[in-house]
N, C-alpha and C. Protein backbone atom coordinates (compact mmCIF):
# COMPACT_ATOMS: atom_id res chain seq x y z
N MET A 1 93.62 108.91 105.17
CA MET A 1 93.29 107.78 106.03
C MET A 1 92.93 108.30 107.42
N THR A 2 91.92 107.75 107.98
CA THR A 2 91.55 108.14 109.34
C THR A 2 92.56 107.54 110.32
N PRO A 3 92.69 108.13 111.50
CA PRO A 3 93.60 107.56 112.49
C PRO A 3 93.27 106.11 112.83
N GLU A 4 91.99 105.75 112.84
CA GLU A 4 91.62 104.38 113.16
C GLU A 4 92.09 103.41 112.06
N VAL A 5 91.92 103.80 110.80
CA VAL A 5 92.39 102.97 109.69
C VAL A 5 93.91 102.84 109.73
N GLN A 6 94.60 103.95 110.03
CA GLN A 6 96.05 103.91 110.17
C GLN A 6 96.45 102.97 111.29
N ARG A 7 95.77 103.08 112.38
CA ARG A 7 96.07 102.25 113.56
C ARG A 7 95.96 100.76 113.23
N ILE A 8 94.92 100.39 112.52
CA ILE A 8 94.71 98.99 112.14
C ILE A 8 95.79 98.54 111.16
N ALA A 9 96.09 99.35 110.16
CA ALA A 9 97.10 98.98 109.15
C ALA A 9 98.48 98.80 109.78
N ILE A 10 98.84 99.69 110.69
CA ILE A 10 100.15 99.59 111.35
C ILE A 10 100.18 98.36 112.25
N ALA A 11 99.10 98.12 112.98
CA ALA A 11 99.03 96.95 113.86
C ALA A 11 99.22 95.66 113.06
N GLU A 12 98.55 95.56 111.94
CA GLU A 12 98.68 94.36 111.11
C GLU A 12 100.10 94.22 110.58
N ALA A 13 100.72 95.34 110.19
CA ALA A 13 102.10 95.29 109.71
C ALA A 13 103.08 94.88 110.81
N CYS A 14 102.71 95.16 112.06
CA CYS A 14 103.56 94.82 113.20
C CYS A 14 103.30 93.43 113.75
N GLY A 15 102.41 92.68 113.11
CA GLY A 15 102.19 91.31 113.51
C GLY A 15 100.95 91.04 114.33
N TRP A 16 100.12 92.06 114.55
CA TRP A 16 98.87 91.82 115.27
C TRP A 16 97.95 91.01 114.38
N LYS A 17 97.18 90.13 114.97
CA LYS A 17 96.25 89.27 114.24
C LYS A 17 94.83 89.58 114.68
N ASN A 18 93.89 89.30 113.80
CA ASN A 18 92.46 89.47 114.10
C ASN A 18 92.14 90.88 114.61
N VAL A 19 92.75 91.88 113.98
CA VAL A 19 92.50 93.25 114.40
C VAL A 19 91.09 93.64 113.98
N ASP A 20 90.36 94.23 114.90
CA ASP A 20 88.97 94.59 114.67
C ASP A 20 88.68 95.93 115.32
N ALA A 21 87.87 96.72 114.65
CA ALA A 21 87.45 98.00 115.20
C ALA A 21 85.97 97.90 115.54
N GLY A 22 85.69 97.33 116.68
CA GLY A 22 84.31 97.15 117.08
C GLY A 22 83.98 97.91 118.34
N SER A 23 82.79 98.37 118.44
CA SER A 23 82.26 99.10 119.60
C SER A 23 83.19 100.20 120.10
N GLY A 24 83.77 100.95 119.16
CA GLY A 24 84.62 102.07 119.53
C GLY A 24 85.99 101.69 120.03
N ARG A 25 86.33 100.43 119.97
CA ARG A 25 87.62 99.95 120.46
C ARG A 25 88.35 99.22 119.34
N VAL A 26 89.64 99.43 119.24
CA VAL A 26 90.44 98.66 118.30
C VAL A 26 91.21 97.65 119.12
N TRP A 27 91.00 96.38 118.82
CA TRP A 27 91.64 95.33 119.59
C TRP A 27 92.12 94.23 118.67
N GLY A 28 92.95 93.37 119.20
CA GLY A 28 93.44 92.26 118.41
C GLY A 28 94.28 91.33 119.26
N VAL A 29 94.89 90.36 118.60
CA VAL A 29 95.77 89.41 119.26
C VAL A 29 97.19 89.74 118.85
N THR A 30 98.05 89.96 119.81
CA THR A 30 99.43 90.27 119.51
C THR A 30 100.24 88.99 119.35
N THR A 31 101.20 89.03 118.46
CA THR A 31 102.07 87.86 118.26
C THR A 31 103.45 88.11 118.86
N ARG A 32 103.57 89.12 119.71
CA ARG A 32 104.86 89.45 120.31
C ARG A 32 105.29 88.43 121.35
N HIS A 33 104.35 87.76 121.96
CA HIS A 33 104.72 86.79 122.98
C HIS A 33 104.77 85.39 122.37
N LYS A 34 105.47 84.51 123.03
CA LYS A 34 105.57 83.12 122.58
C LYS A 34 104.45 82.31 123.22
N GLY A 35 104.10 81.24 122.60
CA GLY A 35 103.11 80.36 123.20
C GLY A 35 101.73 80.51 122.58
N THR A 36 100.83 79.80 123.14
CA THR A 36 99.46 79.78 122.66
C THR A 36 98.69 80.98 123.20
N PRO A 37 97.95 81.67 122.34
CA PRO A 37 97.13 82.78 122.85
C PRO A 37 96.12 82.28 123.87
N SER A 38 95.85 83.11 124.83
CA SER A 38 94.87 82.76 125.85
C SER A 38 93.58 83.55 125.62
N GLU A 39 92.60 83.31 126.45
CA GLU A 39 91.34 84.03 126.31
C GLU A 39 91.50 85.52 126.55
N PHE A 40 92.58 85.93 127.20
CA PHE A 40 92.81 87.34 127.48
C PHE A 40 93.34 88.08 126.26
N ASP A 41 93.89 87.37 125.29
CA ASP A 41 94.49 88.00 124.12
C ASP A 41 93.48 88.65 123.20
N VAL A 42 92.25 88.20 123.19
CA VAL A 42 91.27 88.69 122.23
C VAL A 42 90.78 90.10 122.53
N CYS A 43 91.00 90.61 123.71
CA CYS A 43 90.53 91.94 124.06
C CYS A 43 91.66 92.91 124.39
N VAL A 44 92.81 92.67 123.83
CA VAL A 44 93.94 93.55 124.08
C VAL A 44 93.83 94.76 123.14
N ASP A 45 93.90 95.95 123.70
CA ASP A 45 93.83 97.15 122.87
C ASP A 45 95.08 97.26 122.01
N VAL A 46 94.86 97.54 120.75
CA VAL A 46 95.95 97.80 119.82
C VAL A 46 96.54 99.17 120.16
N PRO A 47 97.86 99.33 120.13
CA PRO A 47 98.43 100.65 120.41
C PRO A 47 97.84 101.72 119.50
N ASN A 48 97.74 102.91 120.02
CA ASN A 48 97.17 104.03 119.26
C ASN A 48 98.30 104.74 118.51
N TYR A 49 98.82 104.06 117.50
CA TYR A 49 100.03 104.50 116.79
C TYR A 49 100.03 105.96 116.36
N PRO A 50 98.98 106.50 115.74
CA PRO A 50 99.05 107.89 115.29
C PRO A 50 99.13 108.94 116.40
N PHE A 51 98.95 108.50 117.66
CA PHE A 51 98.98 109.44 118.77
C PHE A 51 100.00 109.07 119.85
N ASP A 52 100.82 108.05 119.60
CA ASP A 52 101.72 107.54 120.62
C ASP A 52 103.12 107.34 120.05
N LEU A 53 104.05 108.23 120.43
CA LEU A 53 105.43 108.14 119.92
C LEU A 53 106.10 106.83 120.32
N ASN A 54 105.83 106.32 121.51
CA ASN A 54 106.43 105.06 121.93
C ASN A 54 105.94 103.91 121.05
N ALA A 55 104.67 103.91 120.74
CA ALA A 55 104.13 102.87 119.87
C ALA A 55 104.72 102.97 118.47
N MET A 56 104.89 104.19 117.98
CA MET A 56 105.49 104.36 116.66
C MET A 56 106.95 103.93 116.66
N HIS A 57 107.65 104.16 117.75
CA HIS A 57 109.03 103.68 117.85
C HIS A 57 109.05 102.16 117.71
N ASP A 58 108.16 101.48 118.41
CA ASP A 58 108.09 100.03 118.32
C ASP A 58 107.77 99.58 116.90
N ALA A 59 106.86 100.28 116.24
CA ALA A 59 106.50 99.93 114.86
C ALA A 59 107.69 100.10 113.93
N VAL A 60 108.38 101.22 114.04
CA VAL A 60 109.53 101.48 113.17
C VAL A 60 110.62 100.43 113.37
N MET A 61 110.75 99.94 114.58
CA MET A 61 111.78 98.94 114.86
C MET A 61 111.49 97.60 114.19
N THR A 62 110.30 97.42 113.61
CA THR A 62 110.00 96.19 112.88
C THR A 62 110.49 96.24 111.44
N LEU A 63 110.92 97.42 110.99
CA LEU A 63 111.38 97.58 109.60
C LEU A 63 112.77 97.01 109.42
N ASN A 64 113.05 96.52 108.20
CA ASN A 64 114.41 96.06 107.90
C ASN A 64 115.25 97.26 107.46
N ALA A 65 116.52 97.02 107.17
CA ALA A 65 117.45 98.12 106.85
C ALA A 65 117.01 98.91 105.62
N ASP A 66 116.58 98.23 104.57
CA ASP A 66 116.13 98.94 103.36
C ASP A 66 114.88 99.77 103.64
N GLN A 67 114.00 99.21 104.44
CA GLN A 67 112.78 99.95 104.79
C GLN A 67 113.10 101.15 105.66
N MET A 68 114.12 101.05 106.50
CA MET A 68 114.52 102.20 107.33
C MET A 68 114.97 103.36 106.46
N VAL A 69 115.70 103.07 105.39
CA VAL A 69 116.14 104.12 104.46
C VAL A 69 114.91 104.76 103.81
N SER A 70 113.97 103.93 103.40
CA SER A 70 112.75 104.43 102.80
C SER A 70 111.94 105.25 103.81
N MET A 71 111.88 104.79 105.05
CA MET A 71 111.17 105.50 106.11
C MET A 71 111.77 106.90 106.30
N ASP A 72 113.09 106.97 106.29
CA ASP A 72 113.77 108.27 106.45
C ASP A 72 113.36 109.22 105.32
N HIS A 73 113.33 108.70 104.10
CA HIS A 73 112.92 109.52 102.95
C HIS A 73 111.47 109.99 103.11
N HIS A 74 110.57 109.06 103.42
CA HIS A 74 109.15 109.42 103.56
C HIS A 74 108.92 110.38 104.72
N LEU A 75 109.64 110.18 105.80
CA LEU A 75 109.49 111.10 106.94
C LEU A 75 109.97 112.49 106.57
N ASP A 76 111.04 112.58 105.79
CA ASP A 76 111.53 113.87 105.33
C ASP A 76 110.48 114.57 104.48
N VAL A 77 109.82 113.82 103.62
CA VAL A 77 108.77 114.40 102.77
C VAL A 77 107.56 114.83 103.60
N VAL A 78 107.12 113.96 104.50
CA VAL A 78 105.93 114.24 105.31
C VAL A 78 106.17 115.42 106.25
N VAL A 79 107.33 115.46 106.88
CA VAL A 79 107.60 116.48 107.90
C VAL A 79 108.13 117.77 107.31
N GLY A 80 109.14 117.65 106.46
CA GLY A 80 109.80 118.85 105.99
C GLY A 80 109.58 119.17 104.54
N ASN A 81 108.73 118.39 103.88
CA ASN A 81 108.49 118.60 102.45
C ASN A 81 109.78 118.64 101.65
N GLY A 82 110.74 117.79 102.00
CA GLY A 82 111.99 117.70 101.27
C GLY A 82 112.92 118.87 101.47
N ARG A 83 112.74 119.60 102.57
CA ARG A 83 113.62 120.75 102.83
C ARG A 83 115.06 120.29 102.94
N GLN A 84 115.94 121.09 102.43
CA GLN A 84 117.38 120.83 102.54
C GLN A 84 117.97 121.95 103.39
N GLY A 85 119.05 121.66 104.06
CA GLY A 85 119.70 122.71 104.84
C GLY A 85 120.18 122.21 106.18
N LEU A 86 120.68 123.14 106.96
CA LEU A 86 121.31 122.80 108.22
C LEU A 86 120.33 122.23 109.24
N ASN A 87 119.09 122.64 109.21
CA ASN A 87 118.16 122.23 110.25
C ASN A 87 117.19 121.14 109.80
N CYS A 88 117.47 120.45 108.69
CA CYS A 88 116.51 119.45 108.22
C CYS A 88 116.37 118.31 109.22
N GLU A 89 117.43 117.99 109.98
CA GLU A 89 117.34 116.93 110.99
C GLU A 89 116.36 117.29 112.09
N TYR A 90 116.26 118.57 112.42
CA TYR A 90 115.33 119.01 113.46
C TYR A 90 113.91 118.56 113.12
N PHE A 91 113.53 118.71 111.85
CA PHE A 91 112.18 118.36 111.45
C PHE A 91 111.94 116.86 111.62
N LEU A 92 112.95 116.05 111.36
CA LEU A 92 112.82 114.60 111.53
C LEU A 92 112.75 114.24 113.00
N TRP A 93 113.62 114.83 113.81
CA TRP A 93 113.65 114.52 115.24
C TRP A 93 112.37 114.94 115.94
N SER A 94 111.76 116.00 115.46
CA SER A 94 110.57 116.53 116.12
C SER A 94 109.27 116.05 115.48
N ALA A 95 109.34 115.04 114.64
CA ALA A 95 108.15 114.52 113.97
C ALA A 95 107.14 114.00 114.99
N THR A 96 105.89 114.29 114.76
CA THR A 96 104.83 113.81 115.64
C THR A 96 104.55 112.33 115.36
N ALA A 97 103.82 111.71 116.23
CA ALA A 97 103.43 110.31 116.02
C ALA A 97 102.61 110.18 114.74
N ALA A 98 101.73 111.13 114.48
CA ALA A 98 100.91 111.08 113.27
C ALA A 98 101.77 111.17 112.01
N GLN A 99 102.78 112.03 112.02
CA GLN A 99 103.68 112.13 110.88
C GLN A 99 104.49 110.85 110.70
N ARG A 100 104.93 110.27 111.79
CA ARG A 100 105.67 109.00 111.72
C ARG A 100 104.77 107.88 111.22
N ALA A 101 103.51 107.89 111.63
CA ALA A 101 102.56 106.87 111.18
C ALA A 101 102.37 106.96 109.66
N GLU A 102 102.21 108.18 109.15
CA GLU A 102 102.05 108.35 107.70
C GLU A 102 103.30 107.87 106.97
N ALA A 103 104.47 108.28 107.44
CA ALA A 103 105.71 107.86 106.79
C ALA A 103 105.88 106.34 106.84
N PHE A 104 105.52 105.73 107.96
CA PHE A 104 105.61 104.27 108.11
C PHE A 104 104.70 103.59 107.09
N LEU A 105 103.46 104.06 106.99
CA LEU A 105 102.52 103.45 106.05
C LEU A 105 102.94 103.67 104.61
N ARG A 106 103.53 104.81 104.30
CA ARG A 106 104.06 105.03 102.95
C ARG A 106 105.22 104.07 102.68
N THR A 107 106.03 103.84 103.69
CA THR A 107 107.18 102.95 103.55
C THR A 107 106.75 101.53 103.20
N ILE A 108 105.71 101.05 103.84
CA ILE A 108 105.28 99.67 103.60
C ILE A 108 104.22 99.57 102.50
N GLY A 109 103.92 100.70 101.85
CA GLY A 109 103.00 100.70 100.73
C GLY A 109 101.53 100.57 101.10
N LYS A 110 101.18 100.99 102.32
CA LYS A 110 99.80 100.88 102.78
C LYS A 110 99.08 102.23 102.89
N TRP A 111 99.77 103.33 102.59
CA TRP A 111 99.14 104.64 102.74
C TRP A 111 98.14 104.85 101.61
N LYS A 112 96.98 105.37 101.95
CA LYS A 112 95.96 105.71 100.97
C LYS A 112 95.58 107.15 101.19
N GLY A 113 95.77 107.96 100.17
CA GLY A 113 95.42 109.36 100.30
C GLY A 113 96.33 110.24 99.47
N ALA A 114 96.13 111.53 99.63
CA ALA A 114 96.87 112.51 98.85
C ALA A 114 98.30 112.67 99.36
N LYS A 115 99.08 113.38 98.60
CA LYS A 115 100.48 113.76 98.82
C LYS A 115 101.39 113.00 97.96
């Protein structure tokens, strides 16, 4: 999956609406705020999840408890290839935003590609 496709899939999973990748920009309407969307909502940039650890933290926080367990498993596979041992936590703690994005998409069943 390209980073742009990942970005759109994660945004939609996090509640963004009308996500579009037009003219080199990924934008949409966020549902994080209460109330009626305004004219300013249609041009809000979607977070760049595969390159932003803070955005990935926000995305992961949308998962329920069962999904968190699955996320941990997928992150272990993506980052450490299932390594066991004393330092396996290091690989999880040091996961890049791109690795977290892949694990997140695998967790919610939206990942398309090899592995």
